[in-house]
Amino acid sequence: MARKNEPLKAAQLEAMAEAALGGHDLGEWVEVDNGWQATCWRCGMTTWIGKQGVRYSLLEGECQGT
């Protein structure tokens, strides 16, 4: 059972590290219809991960929030 979540967890960690390097402060991962999504507290942009670990991010390379 744990192996099923490994791609998701790995993708979440990668997204969190990438976001932090850009100065983003991601909130908690929230389950949405087709995956998981986290929002930057500073700029309001999001990053999304599908249930199979596919990532899609709208985060800027550098956070523009205050």
C-alpha atoms as a PDB file:
ATOM      1  CA  MET A   1       0.000   0.000   0.000  1.00  0.00           C
ATOM      2  CA  ALA A   2       2.799   2.445   0.845  1.00  0.00           C
ATOM      3  CA  ARG A   3       4.383   2.009  -2.579  1.00  0.00           C
ATOM      4  CA  LYS A   4       1.205   3.309  -4.210  1.00  0.00           C
ATOM      5  CA  ASN A   5       1.753   6.734  -2.598  1.00  0.00           C
ATOM      6  CA  GLU A   6       5.499   6.947  -3.246  1.00  0.00           C
ATOM      7  CA  PRO A   7       5.249   8.812  -6.591  1.00  0.00           C
ATOM      8  CA  LEU A   8       2.836  11.305  -5.018  1.00  0.00           C
ATOM      9  CA  LYS A   9       5.028  11.881  -1.951  1.00  0.00           C
ATOM     10  CA  ALA A  10       8.153  12.240  -4.102  1.00  0.00           C
ATOM     11  CA  ALA A  11       6.385  14.751  -6.362  1.00  0.00           C
ATOM     12  CA  GLN A  12       5.150  16.721  -3.328  1.00  0.00           C
ATOM     13  CA  LEU A  13       8.651  16.898  -1.852  1.00  0.00           C
ATOM     14  CA  GLU A  14      10.109  17.977  -5.187  1.00  0.00           C
ATOM     15  CA  ALA A  15       7.445  20.667  -5.608  1.00  0.00           C
ATOM     16  CA  MET A  16       7.986  21.941  -2.048  1.00  0.00           C
ATOM     17  CA  ALA A  17      11.761  22.149  -2.485  1.00  0.00           C
ATOM     18  CA  GLU A  18      11.433  23.871  -5.851  1.00  0.00           C
ATOM     19  CA  ALA A  19       8.916  26.345  -4.418  1.00  0.00           C
ATOM     20  CA  ALA A  20      11.120  27.125  -1.404  1.00  0.00           C
ATOM     21  CA  LEU A  21      14.105  27.831  -3.663  1.00  0.00           C
ATOM     22  CA  GLY A  22      11.959  30.445  -5.404  1.00  0.00           C
ATOM     23  CA  GLY A  23      10.932  32.056  -2.111  1.00  0.00           C
ATOM     24  CA  HIS A  24       7.422  30.569  -2.124  1.00  0.00           C
ATOM     25  CA  ASP A  25       5.722  29.536   1.116  1.00  0.00           C
ATOM     26  CA  LEU A  26       3.404  26.658   0.231  1.00  0.00           C
ATOM     27  CA  GLY A  27       0.418  25.889   2.401  1.00  0.00           C
ATOM     28  CA  GLU A  28      -0.890  22.394   3.016  1.00  0.00           C
ATOM     29  CA  TRP A  29      -1.644  20.013   0.176  1.00  0.00           C
ATOM     30  CA  VAL A  30      -5.398  19.922  -0.390  1.00  0.00           C
ATOM     31  CA  GLU A  31      -7.106  17.112  -2.265  1.00  0.00           C
ATOM     32  CA  VAL A  32      -8.978  18.346  -5.344  1.00  0.00           C
ATOM     33  CA  ASP A  33     -11.052  16.451  -7.923  1.00  0.00           C
ATOM     34  CA  ASN A  34      -8.099  15.160  -9.909  1.00  0.00           C
ATOM     35  CA  GLY A  35      -5.133  15.329  -7.540  1.00  0.00           C
ATOM     36  CA  TRP A  36      -3.571  17.526  -4.891  1.00  0.00           C
ATOM     37  CA  GLN A  37      -2.939  21.269  -4.852  1.00  0.00           C
ATOM     38  CA  ALA A  38      -0.929  23.655  -2.678  1.00  0.00           C
ATOM     39  CA  THR A  39      -1.082  27.448  -2.708  1.00  0.00           C
ATOM     40  CA  CYS A  40       1.711  29.906  -1.902  1.00  0.00           C
ATOM     41  CA  TRP A  41       0.730  32.012   1.112  1.00  0.00           C
ATOM     42  CA  ARG A  42       2.675  34.993  -0.266  1.00  0.00           C
ATOM     43  CA  CYS A  43       1.610  35.273  -3.920  1.00  0.00           C
ATOM     44  CA  GLY A  44      -1.483  33.051  -4.126  1.00  0.00           C
ATOM     45  CA  MET A  45      -0.161  30.991  -7.068  1.00  0.00           C
ATOM     46  CA  THR A  46      -0.646  27.226  -7.048  1.00  0.00           C
ATOM     47  CA  THR A  47       1.120  23.995  -7.794  1.00  0.00           C
ATOM     48  CA  TRP A  48      -0.776  20.806  -8.599  1.00  0.00           C
ATOM     49  CA  ILE A  49       0.067  17.116  -8.564  1.00  0.00           C
ATOM     50  CA  GLY A  50      -2.095  14.473 -10.186  1.00  0.00           C
ATOM     51  CA  LYS A  51      -2.910  11.217  -8.450  1.00  0.00           C
ATOM     52  CA  GLN A  52      -0.152   9.467 -10.445  1.00  0.00           C
ATOM     53  CA  GLY A  53       2.504  12.050  -9.528  1.00  0.00           C
ATOM     54  CA  VAL A  54       2.289  14.259 -12.642  1.00  0.00           C
ATOM     55  CA  ARG A  55       3.116  17.867 -11.708  1.00  0.00           C
ATOM     56  CA  TYR A  56       1.773  21.152 -13.052  1.00  0.00           C
ATOM     57  CA  SER A  57       2.861  24.413 -11.477  1.00  0.00           C
ATOM     58  CA  LEU A  58       1.727  27.986 -11.927  1.00  0.00           C
ATOM     59  CA  LEU A  59       4.384  29.218  -9.475  1.00  0.00           C
ATOM     60  CA  GLU A  60       6.738  31.868 -10.805  1.00  0.00           C
ATOM     61  CA  GLY A  61      10.448  31.056 -10.655  1.00  0.00           C
ATOM     62  CA  GLU A  62      10.692  33.697  -7.950  1.00  0.00           C
ATOM     63  CA  CYS A  63       7.807  34.554  -5.608  1.00  0.00           C
ATOM     64  CA  GLN A  64       6.340  37.992  -6.305  1.00  0.00           C
ATOM     65  CA  GLY A  65       4.345  38.103  -3.057  1.00  0.00           C
ATOM     66  CA  THR A  66       5.107  40.135   0.022  1.00  0.00           C
END
